[in-house]
Protein backbone atom coordinates (compact mmCIF):
# COMPACT_ATOMS: atom_id res chain seq x y z
CA MET A 1 -6.08 7.26 14.68
CA PRO A 2 -2.58 8.17 13.42
CA PRO A 3 -2.38 10.12 10.15
CA LEU A 4 -1.63 8.29 6.90
CA LEU A 5 1.31 10.06 5.23
CA THR A 6 3.43 9.65 2.13
CA PRO A 7 6.80 7.90 2.58
CA HIS A 8 8.57 11.26 2.16
CA GLU A 9 6.39 12.97 4.77
CA LEU A 10 6.99 10.09 7.16
CA LEU A 11 10.74 10.23 6.57
CA LEU A 12 10.77 13.87 7.66
CA LYS A 13 9.19 12.82 10.96
CA THR A 14 11.67 10.00 11.57
CA ARG A 15 15.01 10.28 13.30
CA GLU A 16 18.09 9.03 11.51
CA PRO A 17 18.41 5.35 12.51
CA HIS A 18 21.42 4.39 14.62
CA SER A 19 20.55 0.80 15.64
CA GLN A 20 18.50 -1.50 13.44
CA ILE A 21 17.55 -5.17 13.29
CA SER A 22 16.23 -6.54 10.00
CA VAL A 23 14.91 -9.74 8.50
CA HIS A 24 14.56 -9.85 4.72
CA HIS A 25 12.29 -12.07 2.62
CA LEU A 26 11.06 -14.40 5.34
CA GLN A 27 9.07 -17.05 3.48
CA THR A 28 5.65 -18.46 4.28
CA THR A 29 2.43 -19.40 2.48
CA LEU A 30 -1.09 -18.07 3.02
CA PRO A 31 -4.36 -17.90 1.04
CA LEU A 32 -3.82 -14.14 1.09
CA ALA A 33 -5.44 -11.47 -1.08
CA ARG A 34 -5.78 -12.53 -4.74
CA ASP A 35 -3.59 -14.40 -7.18
CA ALA A 36 -2.35 -13.14 -10.55
CA TRP A 37 -5.72 -13.86 -12.19
CA GLY A 38 -7.69 -12.08 -9.48
CA ARG A 39 -8.95 -15.22 -7.75
CA PRO A 40 -9.35 -14.73 -3.98
CA SER A 41 -8.18 -17.02 -1.19
CA LYS A 42 -5.74 -19.05 -3.27
CA PRO A 43 -2.62 -20.17 -1.36
CA GLN A 44 0.45 -18.31 -2.58
CA PRO A 45 3.98 -17.62 -1.32
CA LEU A 46 4.75 -14.53 0.76
CA LEU A 47 8.11 -12.85 1.31
CA ILE A 48 8.03 -10.71 4.47
CA SER A 49 10.67 -8.13 5.34
CA CYS A 50 10.83 -6.32 8.67
CA THR A 51 13.15 -3.63 10.04
CA LEU A 52 13.16 -2.39 13.64
CA SER A 53 14.74 1.01 14.31
CA LEU A 54 15.53 1.14 18.01
CA ARG A 55 15.13 4.28 20.10
CA HIS A 56 18.29 3.59 22.11
CA PRO A 57 21.56 1.95 20.99
CA PHE A 58 22.00 -1.71 21.91
CA THR A 59 25.05 -0.88 24.03
CA SER A 60 24.52 -3.50 26.73
CA SER A 61 24.18 -6.23 24.14
CA SER A 62 27.30 -5.18 22.24
CA SER A 63 29.42 -4.67 25.36
CA SER A 64 28.48 -8.03 26.90
CA ASP A 65 28.29 -9.84 23.55
CA THR A 66 24.95 -11.35 24.56
CA VAL A 67 21.34 -10.93 23.48
CA SER A 68 20.19 -8.52 26.18
CA SER A 69 17.03 -6.48 26.64
CA SER A 70 18.52 -3.65 24.58
CA THR A 71 18.05 -5.59 21.34
CA VAL A 72 15.81 -8.16 19.66
CA HIS A 73 17.22 -11.42 18.36
CA TYR A 74 16.55 -11.81 14.64
CA GLY A 75 15.59 -15.45 15.17
CA THR A 76 12.99 -14.45 17.74
CA LEU A 77 11.73 -11.74 15.38
CA SER A 78 11.39 -14.26 12.54
CA LYS A 79 9.47 -16.71 14.72
CA ALA A 80 7.15 -13.98 15.95
CA ILE A 81 6.33 -12.92 12.38
CA LEU A 82 5.51 -16.49 11.36
CA GLU A 83 3.40 -16.99 14.49
CA ALA A 84 1.53 -13.78 13.72
CA CYS A 85 0.80 -15.00 10.19
CA GLN A 86 -0.60 -18.25 11.55
CA GLU A 87 -2.73 -16.45 14.12
CA PHE A 88 -3.96 -14.05 11.44
CA ARG A 89 -5.01 -17.00 9.31
CA GLU A 90 -6.88 -18.64 12.18
CA LEU A 91 -8.69 -15.41 13.00
CA CYS A 92 -9.74 -14.91 9.38
CA GLU A 93 -10.85 -18.53 8.94
CA ASP A 94 -13.09 -18.50 12.00
CA GLU A 95 -16.12 -20.75 11.45
CA VAL A 96 -18.53 -18.29 13.02
CA MET A 97 -17.41 -15.13 11.21
CA PRO A 98 -14.81 -15.76 8.47
CA VAL A 99 -13.30 -12.72 6.77
CA PRO A 100 -11.10 -12.33 3.67
CA MET A 101 -7.35 -12.18 4.16
CA HIS A 102 -6.44 -8.77 2.76
CA ILE A 103 -2.79 -7.84 2.40
CA ARG A 104 -3.26 -4.48 4.14
CA ALA A 105 -4.95 -6.19 7.08
CA LEU A 106 -1.96 -8.51 7.44
CA VAL A 107 0.52 -5.61 7.48
CA CYS A 108 -1.50 -3.90 10.22
CA TYR A 109 -1.87 -7.14 12.16
CA LEU A 110 1.88 -7.82 12.08
CA GLN A 111 2.51 -4.36 13.50
CA PHE A 112 -0.08 -5.01 16.20
CA TYR A 113 1.31 -8.46 17.01
CA LEU A 114 4.90 -7.24 17.35
CA THR A 115 4.23 -4.06 19.35
CA GLY A 116 0.87 -4.63 21.02
CA CYS A 117 -0.40 -1.31 19.62
CA ASP A 118 -2.94 -0.92 16.84
CA THR A 119 -3.23 1.77 14.17
CA LEU A 120 -6.92 2.06 15.10
CA PRO A 121 -8.21 3.71 18.29
CA ARG A 122 -8.12 1.33 21.23
CA ILE A 123 -11.44 0.40 22.87
CA PRO A 124 -11.24 -0.51 26.56
CA SER A 125 -12.14 -4.15 27.08
CA HIS A 126 -14.79 -3.31 29.68
CA LEU A 127 -16.88 -1.24 27.23
CA SER A 128 -19.93 -2.86 25.67
CA LEU A 129 -20.32 -2.89 21.92
CA PRO A 130 -23.22 -0.82 20.55
CA GLY A 131 -26.32 -2.87 19.85
CA ASN A 132 -25.28 -5.76 22.07
CA GLN A 133 -25.26 -4.90 25.74
CA ASN A 134 -24.44 -8.46 26.75
CA SER A 135 -21.14 -8.71 24.89
CA THR A 136 -17.88 -6.90 25.44
CA PHE A 137 -15.08 -6.06 23.06
CA THR A 138 -11.97 -8.21 23.41
CA PRO A 139 -8.83 -7.41 21.42
CA PRO A 140 -7.71 -10.21 19.06
CA SER A 141 -4.51 -10.87 21.00
CA THR A 142 -6.41 -11.51 24.23
CA SER A 143 -9.31 -13.46 22.77
CA PRO A 144 -9.93 -16.37 25.15
CA SER A 145 -10.64 -18.86 22.40
CA ARG A 146 -11.05 -19.30 18.68
CA ILE A 147 -12.54 -22.23 16.80
CA GLY A 148 -10.51 -23.52 13.89
CA ARG A 149 -11.75 -25.35 10.83
CA ASP A 150 -11.11 -28.67 12.53
CA GLY A 151 -13.76 -27.73 15.12
CA LYS A 152 -11.33 -27.83 18.02
CA THR A 153 -11.25 -24.96 20.46
CA LYS A 154 -7.83 -23.38 20.74
CA GLU A 155 -7.08 -21.61 23.97
CA ARG A 156 -5.04 -18.47 23.53
CA GLU A 157 -3.07 -16.61 26.09
CA ARG A 158 -5.13 -13.90 27.74
CA GLU A 159 -2.08 -11.78 28.26
CA ARG A 160 0.76 -11.82 25.75
CA GLU A 161 3.66 -9.46 26.10
CA PRO A 162 4.58 -7.81 22.78
CA LEU A 163 7.92 -8.76 21.29
CA ILE A 164 9.06 -5.15 21.31
CA PRO A 165 7.06 -2.39 23.03
CA CYS A 166 6.57 0.93 21.27
CA SER A 167 8.75 2.62 23.90
CA MET A 168 11.79 0.83 22.41
CA LEU A 169 11.10 1.88 18.82
CA ASN A 170 11.66 4.92 16.68
CA ALA A 171 10.28 3.22 13.59
CA LEU A 172 9.06 -0.12 12.26
CA SER A 173 8.98 -1.14 8.61
CA LEU A 174 6.99 -4.11 7.28
CA GLU A 175 6.81 -5.19 3.65
CA ILE A 176 4.85 -8.10 2.19
CA LEU A 177 5.83 -9.21 -1.31
CA LEU A 178 3.60 -11.53 -3.34
CA PRO A 179 5.99 -12.73 -6.08
CA LYS A 180 3.31 -14.77 -7.90
CA ALA A 181 0.48 -12.20 -7.80
CA SER A 182 1.40 -10.51 -11.10
CA LEU A 183 1.00 -11.88 -14.62
CA LEU A 184 3.74 -9.79 -16.24
CA GLY A 185 5.78 -8.39 -13.36
CA GLU A 186 8.07 -9.33 -10.50
CA GLY A 187 5.22 -9.33 -8.01
CA ILE A 188 3.01 -7.09 -5.89
CA SER A 189 4.15 -5.59 -2.61
CA LEU A 190 2.63 -3.53 0.18
CA LYS A 191 4.96 -1.70 2.54
CA GLY A 192 3.85 -0.19 5.83
CA ASP A 193 6.14 2.15 7.76
CA PHE A 194 5.27 3.23 11.30
CA VAL A 195 6.90 5.87 13.50
CA TYR A 196 6.66 6.11 17.28
CA GLU A 197 7.11 9.09 19.57
CA GLU A 198 8.02 9.01 23.23
CA GLY A 199 4.94 9.09 25.42
CA HIS A 200 2.60 8.33 22.51
CA PRO A 201 0.49 5.15 22.85
CA GLY A 202 1.11 3.40 19.55
CA PRO A 203 2.21 4.73 16.17
CA SER A 204 2.11 8.52 15.84
CA ALA A 205 2.01 8.31 12.02
CA TYR A 206 2.35 5.71 9.29
CA SER A 207 2.52 5.23 5.53
CA MET A 208 1.23 2.53 3.16
CA LEU A 209 2.79 1.98 -0.26
CA LEU A 210 1.35 -0.42 -2.83
CA LYS A 211 3.73 -1.30 -5.65
CA LEU A 212 3.46 -3.10 -8.99
CA ARG A 213 7.01 -4.32 -9.56
CA ASP A 214 8.74 -4.31 -12.95
CA LEU A 215 5.91 -5.08 -15.35
CA ARG A 216 7.43 -6.10 -18.70
CA VAL A 217 5.11 -4.98 -21.49
CA PRO A 218 5.88 -4.84 -25.25
CA ALA A 219 5.00 -1.50 -26.87
CA VAL A 220 5.81 0.77 -29.78
CA ILE A 221 7.91 3.49 -28.17
CA GLY A 222 10.70 5.65 -29.54
CA VAL A 223 11.68 8.33 -32.03
CA ASN A 224 13.87 6.38 -34.47
CA GLY A 225 12.40 4.71 -37.52
CA ASN A 226 13.36 1.21 -36.43
CA GLU A 227 11.58 1.78 -33.10
CA ARG A 228 8.36 2.67 -34.93
CA ARG A 229 8.35 -0.61 -36.87
CA ALA A 230 8.51 -3.11 -33.99
CA LYS A 231 7.54 -3.34 -30.36
CA GLN A 232 10.14 -3.40 -27.60
CA ILE A 233 9.94 -4.18 -23.89
CA VAL A 234 9.00 -1.37 -21.53
CA ILE A 235 9.58 -2.07 -17.83
CA CYS A 236 7.05 -0.26 -15.67
CA SER A 237 6.81 0.07 -11.89
CA VAL A 238 3.85 1.82 -10.26
CA GLU A 239 3.74 2.99 -6.65
CA MET A 240 0.52 4.09 -4.96
CA GLU A 241 1.33 6.25 -1.94
CA ARG A 242 -1.12 6.79 0.94
CA TRP A 243 -2.76 3.48 0.02
CA ASP A 244 -5.83 3.38 2.28
CA ARG A 245 -7.97 0.71 0.62
CA MET A 246 -8.54 -2.45 2.58
CA VAL A 247 -9.67 -4.39 -0.50
CA ASP A 248 -7.03 -5.87 -2.80
CA ALA A 249 -7.32 -3.99 -6.10
CA TYR A 250 -3.89 -4.53 -7.62
CA ASN A 251 -5.21 -6.82 -10.39
CA GLU A 252 -7.43 -4.02 -11.70
CA LEU A 253 -4.54 -1.58 -11.49
CA GLU A 254 -2.22 -3.92 -13.39
CA GLU A 255 -4.84 -4.44 -16.09
CA ILE A 256 -5.18 -0.69 -16.69
CA VAL A 257 -1.41 -0.19 -16.75
CA VAL A 258 -0.65 -3.12 -19.07
CA LYS A 259 -3.40 -2.34 -21.58
CA SER A 260 -2.52 1.36 -21.60
CA ILE A 261 1.12 0.59 -22.42
CA GLU A 262 0.57 -2.11 -25.04
CA GLU A 263 -2.09 -0.06 -26.87
CA SER A 264 0.08 3.08 -26.97
CA SER A 265 2.57 4.31 -29.59
CA PHE A 266 4.31 7.32 -28.04
CA GLN A 267 7.71 8.60 -29.09
CA THR A 268 8.96 9.46 -25.61
CA LEU A 269 8.89 7.79 -22.21
CA GLU A 270 7.85 11.14 -20.74
CA ALA A 271 4.62 11.19 -22.75
CA LEU A 272 3.87 7.56 -21.94
CA CYS A 273 4.54 8.21 -18.25
CA THR A 274 2.06 11.10 -18.17
CA HIS A 275 -0.49 9.08 -20.13
CA LEU A 276 -0.28 6.24 -17.60
CA ALA A 277 -0.65 8.57 -14.63
CA HIS A 278 -3.76 10.12 -16.17
CA ARG A 279 -5.27 6.72 -16.94
CA ILE A 280 -4.71 5.49 -13.37
CA LEU A 281 -6.21 8.65 -11.90
CA VAL A 282 -9.29 8.73 -14.12
CA TYR A 283 -10.14 5.04 -14.40
CA PHE A 284 -8.74 3.57 -11.18
CA LEU A 285 -8.83 6.22 -8.44
CA LEU A 286 -11.64 8.67 -9.18
CA PRO A 287 -14.46 6.10 -9.58
CA HIS A 288 -13.74 4.84 -6.05
CA TYR A 289 -13.21 8.14 -4.25
CA PRO A 290 -15.96 9.40 -1.96
CA LEU A 291 -17.04 12.82 -3.16
CA PRO A 292 -16.45 15.50 -0.52
CA SER A 293 -19.32 17.96 -0.15
CA SER A 294 -16.95 20.84 -0.82
CA PRO A 295 -13.71 19.66 -2.40
CA PRO A 296 -10.74 21.99 -1.89
CA LEU A 297 -10.14 24.51 -4.65
CA PRO A 298 -6.94 24.34 -6.67
CA HIS A 299 -4.10 26.50 -5.42
CA SER A 300 -4.30 28.79 -8.43
CA THR A 301 -7.83 29.92 -7.48
CA LEU A 302 -7.14 30.46 -3.78
CA PRO A 303 -6.10 33.77 -2.24
CA HIS A 304 -2.43 33.90 -1.34
CA SER A 305 -3.25 33.90 2.37
CA HIS A 306 -4.90 30.48 2.02
CA LEU A 307 -1.84 28.78 0.58
CA ASP A 308 -0.55 27.58 3.93
CA THR A 309 0.33 24.34 5.65
CA SER A 310 -3.05 24.00 7.36
CA HIS A 311 -4.83 23.87 3.99
CA HIS A 312 -2.43 21.20 2.78
CA GLN A 313 -3.02 19.13 5.90
CA ARG A 314 -6.79 19.41 5.57
CA SER A 315 -6.89 18.35 1.94
CA SER A 316 -4.34 15.55 2.25
CA THR A 317 -5.08 14.14 5.67
CA THR A 318 -8.88 14.26 5.65
CA TRP A 319 -9.31 12.36 2.40
CA ASN A 320 -5.99 10.53 2.06
CA TYR A 321 -5.60 11.52 -1.58
CA GLN A 322 -3.30 8.95 -3.11
CA ARG A 323 -0.20 9.81 -5.09
CA ILE A 324 0.87 7.94 -8.21
CA ARG A 325 4.57 7.40 -8.86
CA ILE A 326 5.49 5.77 -12.17
CA THR A 327 8.92 4.64 -13.36
CA LEU A 328 9.52 3.52 -16.96
CA GLN A 329 12.60 1.88 -18.48
CA LYS A 330 13.61 0.86 -22.02
CA PRO A 331 16.31 -1.83 -21.65
CA THR A 332 17.18 -2.06 -25.37
CA ALA A 333 17.28 1.69 -26.04
CA VAL A 334 20.93 2.29 -25.05
CA THR A 335 23.29 -0.48 -26.10
CA PHE A 336 25.97 0.09 -23.46
CA ALA A 337 23.69 0.91 -20.52
CA ALA A 338 21.28 -1.21 -18.53
CA ALA A 339 18.35 1.07 -19.37
CA PRO A 340 17.32 4.72 -19.57
CA SER A 341 14.66 5.59 -17.02
CA VAL A 342 11.98 8.24 -16.55
CA SER A 343 9.80 8.74 -13.47
CA LEU A 344 6.76 10.88 -12.68
CA LEU A 345 4.78 11.74 -9.54
CA LEU A 346 1.11 12.80 -9.75
CA ASP A 347 -1.02 13.78 -6.75
CA SER A 348 -4.76 13.06 -6.92
CA ASP A 349 -5.44 15.95 -4.53
CA PRO A 350 -7.51 18.44 -6.57
CA SER A 351 -5.85 21.35 -4.76
CA LYS A 352 -2.49 20.47 -6.32
CA SER A 353 -3.34 20.65 -10.03
CA GLN A 354 -5.79 22.51 -12.25
CA GLU A 355 -6.21 19.45 -14.48
CA VAL A 356 -6.92 17.16 -11.53
CA SER A 357 -9.38 19.69 -10.14
CA GLU A 358 -11.24 19.80 -13.46
CA LEU A 359 -11.60 16.02 -13.43
CA TRP A 360 -13.02 16.16 -9.93
CA GLU A 361 -15.56 18.74 -11.09
CA ARG A 362 -16.55 16.59 -14.07
CA ARG A 363 -17.09 13.66 -11.76
CA ARG A 364 -19.22 15.79 -9.45
CA GLY A 365 -21.33 16.51 -12.51
CA GLY A 366 -22.02 12.81 -12.98
CA GLU A 367 -19.18 11.79 -15.30
CA GLY A 368 -16.41 9.30 -14.68
CA LYS A 369 -18.25 6.94 -12.34
CA LEU A 370 -17.95 3.80 -14.44
CA VAL A 371 -15.39 1.28 -13.25
CA VAL A 372 -13.27 -0.59 -15.79
CA PRO A 373 -14.43 -4.23 -15.65
CA PHE A 374 -11.99 -6.89 -14.54
CA PRO A 375 -11.10 -8.91 -16.44
CA LEU A 376 -11.66 -6.65 -19.44
CA GLU A 377 -12.02 -8.50 -22.74
CA GLY A 378 -10.76 -6.50 -25.67
CA ARG A 379 -9.01 -3.15 -25.81
CA LEU A 380 -9.14 -0.56 -23.04
CA ASP A 381 -9.15 2.38 -25.46
CA GLU A 382 -12.27 0.98 -27.14
CA TRP A 383 -14.00 0.60 -23.77
CA ILE A 384 -13.06 4.19 -22.94
CA GLY A 385 -14.47 5.34 -26.26
CA ARG A 386 -17.81 3.78 -25.38
CA ASN A 387 -18.01 4.58 -21.67
CA GLY A 388 -15.22 6.68 -20.27
CA VAL A 389 -14.35 10.25 -19.48
CA LYS A 390 -11.27 11.20 -21.45
CA TRP A 391 -8.45 13.21 -20.00
CA THR A 392 -7.76 16.45 -21.84
CA GLY A 393 -5.79 15.59 -24.95
CA GLU A 394 -6.41 11.83 -24.84
């Protein structure tokens, strides 16, 4: 299985693109993930963006001024994406074994549909599944038949050539935007980036980035006296790097972010940014993390000889510790500017911060396991006062 990296780590592994084909905001509708109120399987619009970074320049296509094998026609790419979405829906709505349509599953399926290579280890089709010696594993793309909701059997092609094989790609980027999945923001998006190396069967590494886009929340924020007397709009974007959850948890994340902002009264964006990062770590990430038997020690307590790349790879790759990136803006703060902005990055890896390590230890001792209910009626700070584990200084 390829490693799950941060976007920055993946960028360092990617060659500078020289030939790209892109489609932006391709529209379709699916009962995907959850809507703005957290209700599952409600039809909602999707905007899909895809960028192919080719391994070799499309010289034959440019010299002959035709769509040759050195490139991919953007119309063909668009049709393939829409066909993949329809096939994904039919697979998930199978009468025998229906499954929820998660946004991360769709990103992975689009990558599989376009390239023919999965991010999971491939199982040869002749191998029997454990516990059922009479059945064999068949990849979704070569499934001989599926039964739709109308009860009719739909024959699928046993062999389908991928639109673009991995050997033609340096990188593939897929982003799904749900513009109606947020109550106060510009939508929810999940972006998957995949890199391919010559001779490697499938992606050699990938990243997943969940983003809450431009939440507009009124809050008391500022130093001046007039700013202390009335609320003003704070625009907040939250990015979750190394997003490895299959379930769709963005409603819970938005609830924590919105309530934390509207209940606050900080003077600076820097303090609010840190407060938000701590809240997300303590009340959104830690309750869901599996506890390692021996979590890595923080860097400050390790001998100098242990502070090497191998330790970083063990702690980050084994557990996929997510990173929180928060950006805050105050549009009305500067009259002749669009908005001042502050951003912060916090790693949930306990080896990167003494404070994060202490929270891990407190959770190992039995604290911090309660999950904030969704939807939460009332104030979040009052719920924390009754149930939560407070970050130092909260």
